[in-house]
Amino acid sequence: MRGVFLNSAGFNVSSPPSPLPKPGFAVFLMAGMTDFNYSELAELDAQLESAGTRHFLRRFDGGHTWAPATVWQEALAWSALWEMKDNLRDQDKGVISTEFARATSRLRQREDAGDLYFAMGEYRGVAAAFDGLADTSALKKRLSVLVGSPAVREGAKEEKAEIEKQRNLEADIFRVMEALRASGGEQVSLFADVSTRIHQLREDSIKERRPESRRVLERALGNVFAMGMETGGQLMDQGQNRTAELYFELGATAHPDSTWPPLLLAQCHANLGDKKAALHDLKRAREAGLTIAELAEFVKANPKLAPLGDTPEFRKLMAGTSQ
C-alpha cells in the first residue's frame, strides 16, 4: 500500500502508524468544517507535516459525511500526480496542465475568501505535488509569504482555540454520560441533567450567528450525538436495553431531525416486548423524514420488529395516517 484517503476520520490509533509503511506513503485527508472529527484530522495533518509524510488536508463545507464528488476528484488527481512523480504511470502533460490550472484556481478562491491559514496548507500541498511536473516557483514564493504572515499565525491560533473549546464543551457532558452507564439508582437524575446540558448546547448552536463559533458548537453536538448512539448500541448488544434506551433518547435530544435514534429505540423497545413504544418510535422516525420504503425495509430486516407489520397500527403508519 502506497497511501490512503481519509474521509471524516483518521487512523485507528491516536497518531499515524510509526514508522509509516514506506518513505513514499501519501495521505489525502478530507474534513467537513462541522465534522466532530475535524480536530482529529487537523491534528493528524500537523503530525504528518512534522514527519515529512506526503499529505494534503482538504476542508469542505459539511459535517460527518462523505466529501463532495469534486473533492474526491481532487484527491484522485493528487494521487495520480504522485504516481507520475514516482514513475508508476507515464507523465501526461495534458492532465498535469489541467490539474495545475484547477489547483491554482482553488488556491486563489481560498485567498479571496480570506482563509489564509487554510490556503497556506493547501499551497504547501499543491506545490509539493506539482514540484518537478510544473513550474511551481510562483506557488513557492507565495507560500513563503503566507508562512510568515500575521494572518496565518492568527489563523493557526484560532484553529487551536476552536479545538480546545470543542473539547471543553464536550468534557462535562461526556462525564455525566459515562456516569449514567453505571449509575444504578441515580439514572433518573443523571439523565435529566445531561439531557438539559445537551438541549442547551443544541439551542446555543442554533442561536449562534458567528460561523466560526457555530461550527465549534456543531462539532461538539455531533460528537455528543455519536457517543450517545454508539454507547446505546453497545448496551443494546449486551442486553442492557433499559440503559440503552436512555442513550438513544440523548441522541434524539442532540439531533431531533435524525431518524437513527427513533429507529434504534424501536429496536430496543421490541427487545423489551413493548410493541406500543416501538410503534411510537417508528412514527417518530417517519416524522423525522424516514420514507415508507425505508420504514418497511427496516422492520422487515429486524426479526423482533417484523411482527409489527401485521398490526393495524403499523398499516396505518405505512398508509401515512395517524394512529
Protein backbone atom coordinates (compact mmCIF):
# COMPACT_ATOMS: atom_id res chain seq x y z
CA MET A 1 0.00 0.00 0.00
CA ARG A 2 1.38 3.38 -1.03
CA GLY A 3 -1.18 5.67 0.58
CA VAL A 4 -4.70 6.24 1.88
CA PHE A 5 -7.66 8.55 1.53
CA LEU A 6 -9.04 9.52 4.95
CA ASN A 7 -12.58 10.91 4.88
CA SER A 8 -14.04 12.19 8.18
CA ALA A 9 -11.75 10.05 10.35
CA GLY A 10 -8.06 9.41 10.88
CA PHE A 11 -6.19 6.20 11.57
CA ASN A 12 -7.48 3.69 14.12
CA VAL A 13 -4.94 4.96 16.64
CA SER A 14 -4.24 8.36 18.16
CA SER A 15 -1.33 9.03 15.81
CA PRO A 16 -0.21 7.88 12.35
CA PRO A 17 1.48 4.47 12.13
CA SER A 18 5.13 4.69 13.19
CA PRO A 19 7.08 4.17 11.13
CA LEU A 20 4.84 4.83 8.14
CA PRO A 21 4.72 1.87 5.74
CA LYS A 22 7.02 3.36 3.08
CA PRO A 23 9.01 6.57 2.58
CA GLY A 24 6.70 7.48 -0.28
CA PHE A 25 3.50 6.89 1.69
CA ALA A 26 0.86 9.54 0.92
CA VAL A 27 -2.24 10.64 2.86
CA PHE A 28 -5.08 12.74 1.49
CA LEU A 29 -7.37 13.90 4.31
CA MET A 30 -10.90 15.24 3.84
CA ALA A 31 -12.62 17.06 6.71
CA GLY A 32 -16.02 18.72 6.94
CA MET A 33 -15.88 22.06 8.73
CA THR A 34 -18.60 20.96 11.18
CA ASP A 35 -17.48 17.34 11.48
CA PHE A 36 -16.98 16.27 15.11
CA ASN A 37 -13.80 14.52 13.92
CA TYR A 38 -12.42 17.74 12.43
CA SER A 39 -9.87 18.19 15.22
CA GLU A 40 -8.60 14.63 14.74
CA LEU A 41 -7.88 15.29 11.07
CA ALA A 42 -6.41 18.77 11.61
CA GLU A 43 -4.03 17.44 14.26
CA LEU A 44 -3.12 14.43 12.13
CA ASP A 45 -2.29 16.78 9.26
CA ALA A 46 0.18 18.62 11.51
CA GLN A 47 1.73 15.30 12.61
CA LEU A 48 2.17 14.21 9.00
CA GLU A 49 3.83 17.53 8.19
CA SER A 50 6.26 17.10 11.08
CA ALA A 51 7.00 13.53 9.96
CA GLY A 52 7.75 14.67 6.40
CA THR A 53 4.98 12.48 5.01
CA ARG A 54 3.27 13.37 1.76
CA HIS A 55 -0.08 14.77 2.78
CA PHE A 56 -2.88 17.14 1.89
CA LEU A 57 -5.80 18.30 4.07
CA ARG A 58 -8.85 19.32 2.07
CA ARG A 59 -11.53 21.06 4.11
CA PHE A 60 -15.09 21.22 2.80
CA ASP A 61 -18.41 22.61 3.96
CA GLY A 62 -20.30 19.86 5.76
CA GLY A 63 -20.38 17.58 8.76
CA HIS A 64 -19.52 13.94 9.39
CA THR A 65 -20.22 12.80 5.87
CA TRP A 66 -18.61 11.81 2.60
CA ALA A 67 -16.80 14.66 0.89
CA PRO A 68 -18.44 16.04 -2.27
CA ALA A 69 -17.60 14.36 -5.58
CA THR A 70 -15.49 17.37 -6.61
CA VAL A 71 -13.25 16.89 -3.55
CA TRP A 72 -12.83 13.21 -4.36
CA GLN A 73 -11.84 14.20 -7.89
CA GLU A 74 -9.14 16.42 -6.37
CA ALA A 75 -7.97 13.51 -4.21
CA LEU A 76 -7.70 11.15 -7.17
CA ALA A 77 -5.87 13.76 -9.23
CA TRP A 78 -3.47 14.41 -6.33
CA SER A 79 -2.65 10.71 -6.05
CA ALA A 80 -2.18 10.46 -9.83
CA LEU A 81 0.40 13.25 -9.70
CA TRP A 82 2.44 11.39 -7.10
CA GLU A 83 2.25 8.24 -9.22
CA MET A 84 3.68 10.20 -12.13
CA LYS A 85 6.44 11.58 -9.91
CA ASP A 86 7.23 8.04 -8.70
CA ASN A 87 7.26 6.69 -12.29
CA LEU A 88 4.29 4.44 -11.58
CA ARG A 89 2.47 5.91 -14.57
CA ASP A 90 3.50 7.88 -17.60
CA GLN A 91 3.56 11.64 -17.24
CA ASP A 92 0.56 13.12 -19.06
CA LYS A 93 1.28 16.76 -19.86
CA GLY A 94 -2.39 17.42 -20.62
CA VAL A 95 -3.54 16.09 -17.26
CA ILE A 96 -0.77 17.95 -15.45
CA SER A 97 -1.64 21.24 -17.15
CA THR A 98 -5.37 20.86 -16.49
CA GLU A 99 -4.96 19.90 -12.86
CA PHE A 100 -2.40 22.63 -12.23
CA ALA A 101 -4.84 25.24 -13.54
CA ARG A 102 -7.63 23.83 -11.35
CA ALA A 103 -5.44 23.69 -8.27
CA THR A 104 -4.16 27.25 -8.63
CA SER A 105 -7.71 28.47 -9.22
CA ARG A 106 -8.84 26.83 -5.95
CA LEU A 107 -5.93 28.46 -4.13
CA ARG A 108 -6.99 31.88 -5.38
CA GLN A 109 -10.54 31.18 -4.22
CA ARG A 110 -9.25 30.26 -0.75
CA GLU A 111 -7.33 33.51 -0.53
CA ASP A 112 -10.21 35.58 -1.90
CA ALA A 113 -12.42 34.09 0.84
CA GLY A 114 -9.92 35.30 3.44
CA ASP A 115 -8.98 31.77 4.57
CA LEU A 116 -5.24 32.47 4.58
CA TYR A 117 -4.35 29.82 7.16
CA PHE A 118 -6.22 27.15 5.21
CA ALA A 119 -4.78 28.50 1.96
CA MET A 120 -1.24 28.19 3.33
CA GLY A 121 -1.70 24.47 3.96
CA GLU A 122 -3.12 23.93 0.50
CA TYR A 123 -0.33 25.94 -1.16
CA ARG A 124 2.14 23.67 0.60
CA GLY A 125 0.37 20.51 -0.61
CA VAL A 126 -0.10 21.72 -4.18
CA ALA A 127 3.48 22.91 -4.50
CA ALA A 128 4.78 19.55 -3.26
CA ALA A 129 2.56 17.53 -5.58
CA PHE A 130 3.41 19.52 -8.73
CA ASP A 131 7.10 20.07 -7.98
CA GLY A 132 9.04 18.58 -10.90
CA LEU A 133 5.91 18.35 -13.05
CA ALA A 134 5.09 22.05 -13.49
CA ASP A 135 6.61 25.43 -12.74
CA THR A 136 5.86 25.87 -9.03
CA SER A 137 8.12 28.87 -8.44
CA ALA A 138 5.21 31.31 -8.08
CA LEU A 139 3.46 28.93 -5.64
CA LYS A 140 6.58 28.58 -3.51
CA LYS A 141 7.08 32.34 -3.47
CA ARG A 142 3.51 32.93 -2.33
CA LEU A 143 3.83 30.13 0.23
CA SER A 144 6.90 31.75 1.77
CA VAL A 145 4.93 34.99 2.16
CA LEU A 146 1.95 33.23 3.74
CA VAL A 147 4.06 31.23 6.21
CA GLY A 148 5.33 34.45 7.75
CA SER A 149 2.01 36.26 7.57
CA PRO A 150 0.44 37.54 10.83
CA ALA A 151 -2.95 36.48 9.44
CA VAL A 152 -1.74 32.89 9.05
CA ARG A 153 -0.26 32.85 12.55
CA GLU A 154 -3.56 34.18 13.88
CA GLY A 155 -5.47 31.54 11.91
CA ALA A 156 -3.36 28.79 13.46
CA LYS A 157 -4.06 30.16 16.94
CA GLU A 158 -7.79 30.37 16.20
CA GLU A 159 -7.95 26.78 14.99
CA LYS A 160 -6.12 25.58 18.09
CA ALA A 161 -8.55 27.57 20.26
CA GLU A 162 -11.54 26.07 18.40
CA ILE A 163 -10.27 22.55 19.04
CA GLU A 164 -9.76 23.29 22.71
CA LYS A 165 -13.19 24.87 23.03
CA GLN A 166 -14.86 21.85 21.46
CA ARG A 167 -13.16 19.54 23.94
CA ASN A 168 -14.15 21.74 26.85
CA LEU A 169 -17.78 21.81 25.69
CA GLU A 170 -17.84 18.03 25.44
CA ALA A 171 -15.99 17.25 28.67
CA ASP A 172 -18.77 17.84 31.24
CA ILE A 173 -21.41 16.21 29.06
CA PHE A 174 -19.25 13.13 28.48
CA ARG A 175 -18.53 12.89 32.20
CA VAL A 176 -22.25 12.68 33.03
CA MET A 177 -22.92 10.32 30.12
CA GLU A 178 -20.24 7.97 31.40
CA ALA A 179 -21.70 8.12 34.90
CA LEU A 180 -25.16 7.33 33.52
CA ARG A 181 -23.94 3.98 32.27
CA ALA A 182 -23.16 2.67 35.75
CA SER A 183 -25.26 4.90 37.97
CA GLY A 184 -27.83 2.44 39.26
CA GLY A 185 -30.49 4.33 41.21
CA GLU A 186 -29.21 7.74 40.13
CA GLN A 187 -30.03 7.24 36.47
CA VAL A 188 -33.15 9.43 36.52
CA SER A 189 -31.38 12.49 37.90
CA LEU A 190 -28.28 12.00 35.75
CA PHE A 191 -30.40 11.55 32.63
CA ALA A 192 -32.29 14.78 33.39
CA ASP A 193 -29.00 16.61 33.98
CA VAL A 194 -27.29 15.51 30.77
CA SER A 195 -30.47 16.00 28.72
CA THR A 196 -30.61 19.61 29.86
CA ARG A 197 -26.94 20.13 29.00
CA ILE A 198 -27.36 18.66 25.52
CA HIS A 199 -30.52 20.64 24.88
CA GLN A 200 -28.71 23.85 25.86
CA LEU A 201 -25.79 23.02 23.58
CA ARG A 202 -28.19 22.49 20.68
CA GLU A 203 -30.00 25.75 21.41
CA ASP A 204 -26.69 27.61 21.56
CA SER A 205 -25.66 26.20 18.19
CA ILE A 206 -28.96 27.31 16.65
CA LYS A 207 -28.75 30.83 18.07
CA GLU A 208 -25.05 31.43 17.33
CA ARG A 209 -24.64 33.77 14.35
CA ARG A 210 -20.84 33.78 14.01
CA PRO A 211 -19.86 30.96 11.62
CA GLU A 212 -16.55 30.24 13.37
CA SER A 213 -18.29 29.90 16.76
CA ARG A 214 -21.27 27.98 15.41
CA ARG A 215 -19.12 25.33 13.76
CA VAL A 216 -17.41 24.58 17.09
CA LEU A 217 -20.79 24.12 18.78
CA GLU A 218 -21.97 21.89 15.93
CA ARG A 219 -18.83 19.76 16.15
CA ALA A 220 -19.33 19.28 19.89
CA LEU A 221 -23.01 18.46 19.41
CA GLY A 222 -22.14 15.94 16.72
CA ASN A 223 -19.66 14.19 18.99
CA VAL A 224 -22.23 14.03 21.81
CA PHE A 225 -24.73 12.54 19.35
CA ALA A 226 -22.20 9.94 18.19
CA MET A 227 -21.33 8.95 21.75
CA GLY A 228 -24.98 8.54 22.67
CA MET A 229 -25.73 6.35 19.69
CA GLU A 230 -22.56 4.26 19.87
CA THR A 231 -22.88 3.68 23.63
CA GLY A 232 -26.56 2.84 23.28
CA GLY A 233 -25.73 0.34 20.55
CA GLN A 234 -23.10 -1.35 22.70
CA LEU A 235 -25.51 -1.59 25.63
CA MET A 236 -28.29 -2.99 23.47
CA ASP A 237 -25.91 -5.65 22.12
CA GLN A 238 -25.16 -6.57 25.76
CA GLY A 239 -28.87 -6.91 26.54
CA GLN A 240 -28.97 -3.73 28.66
CA ASN A 241 -31.96 -2.34 26.81
CA ARG A 242 -33.28 -0.05 29.56
CA THR A 243 -29.99 1.83 29.80
CA ALA A 244 -29.55 1.77 26.02
CA GLU A 245 -32.94 3.46 25.76
CA LEU A 246 -31.60 6.44 27.74
CA TYR A 247 -28.62 6.88 25.43
CA PHE A 248 -30.76 6.73 22.31
CA GLU A 249 -33.00 9.41 23.80
CA LEU A 250 -29.92 11.56 24.39
CA GLY A 251 -29.06 11.09 20.73
CA ALA A 252 -32.55 12.26 19.80
CA THR A 253 -32.09 15.32 22.02
CA ALA A 254 -28.85 16.20 20.24
CA HIS A 255 -30.27 15.68 16.74
CA PRO A 256 -34.08 15.50 16.79
CA ASP A 257 -34.17 15.57 13.00
CA SER A 258 -32.20 12.31 12.71
CA THR A 259 -34.06 9.06 12.01
CA TRP A 260 -31.33 6.98 13.65
CA PRO A 261 -32.34 7.43 17.33
CA PRO A 262 -36.04 6.53 16.95
CA LEU A 263 -35.19 3.53 14.78
CA LEU A 264 -32.82 2.12 17.39
CA LEU A 265 -35.32 2.98 20.10
CA ALA A 266 -37.88 0.91 18.20
CA GLN A 267 -35.46 -1.99 18.12
CA CYS A 268 -34.69 -1.52 21.80
CA HIS A 269 -38.38 -1.47 22.78
CA ALA A 270 -39.06 -4.51 20.61
CA ASN A 271 -36.35 -6.34 22.55
CA LEU A 272 -38.22 -5.39 25.73
CA GLY A 273 -41.51 -6.65 24.28
CA ASP A 274 -43.07 -3.16 24.30
CA LYS A 275 -44.88 -3.07 20.95
CA LYS A 276 -46.72 0.15 21.71
CA ALA A 277 -43.49 2.03 22.40
CA ALA A 278 -41.86 0.51 19.32
CA LEU A 279 -44.72 1.69 17.11
CA HIS A 280 -44.45 5.16 18.63
CA ASP A 281 -40.72 5.16 17.84
CA LEU A 282 -41.39 4.20 14.23
CA LYS A 283 -43.86 7.06 13.98
CA ARG A 284 -41.16 9.41 15.29
CA ALA A 285 -38.80 8.11 12.61
CA ARG A 286 -41.40 8.84 9.92
CA GLU A 287 -41.87 12.36 11.32
CA ALA A 288 -38.09 12.83 11.17
CA GLY A 289 -38.11 12.06 7.45
CA LEU A 290 -37.90 8.27 7.09
CA THR A 291 -39.63 7.18 3.88
CA ILE A 292 -42.31 4.49 3.81
CA ALA A 293 -39.99 2.25 1.78
CA GLU A 294 -37.17 2.71 4.32
CA LEU A 295 -39.58 2.01 7.17
CA ALA A 296 -40.80 -1.21 5.56
CA GLU A 297 -37.23 -2.37 4.91
CA PHE A 298 -36.11 -1.61 8.48
CA VAL A 299 -38.99 -3.53 10.04
CA LYS A 300 -38.55 -6.44 7.66
CA ALA A 301 -34.82 -6.64 8.44
CA ASN A 302 -35.32 -6.78 12.23
CA PRO A 303 -36.86 -10.06 13.47
CA LYS A 304 -38.13 -8.54 16.73
CA LEU A 305 -39.92 -5.78 14.78
CA ALA A 306 -41.23 -7.92 11.93
CA PRO A 307 -44.42 -8.98 13.83
CA LEU A 308 -45.48 -5.31 13.94
CA GLY A 309 -46.01 -5.48 10.19
CA ASP A 310 -49.27 -7.35 10.73
CA THR A 311 -50.77 -4.84 13.16
CA PRO A 312 -53.46 -2.30 12.21
CA GLU A 313 -51.34 0.48 13.76
CA PHE A 314 -48.41 -0.30 11.51
CA ARG A 315 -50.63 -0.49 8.43
CA LYS A 316 -51.96 2.96 9.29
CA LEU A 317 -48.42 4.22 9.64
CA MET A 318 -47.49 2.78 6.26
CA ALA A 319 -50.54 4.46 4.77
CA GLY A 320 -49.45 7.79 6.21
CA THR A 321 -52.42 8.16 8.54
CA SER A 322 -52.33 8.96 12.23
CA GLN A 323 -52.50 6.20 14.81
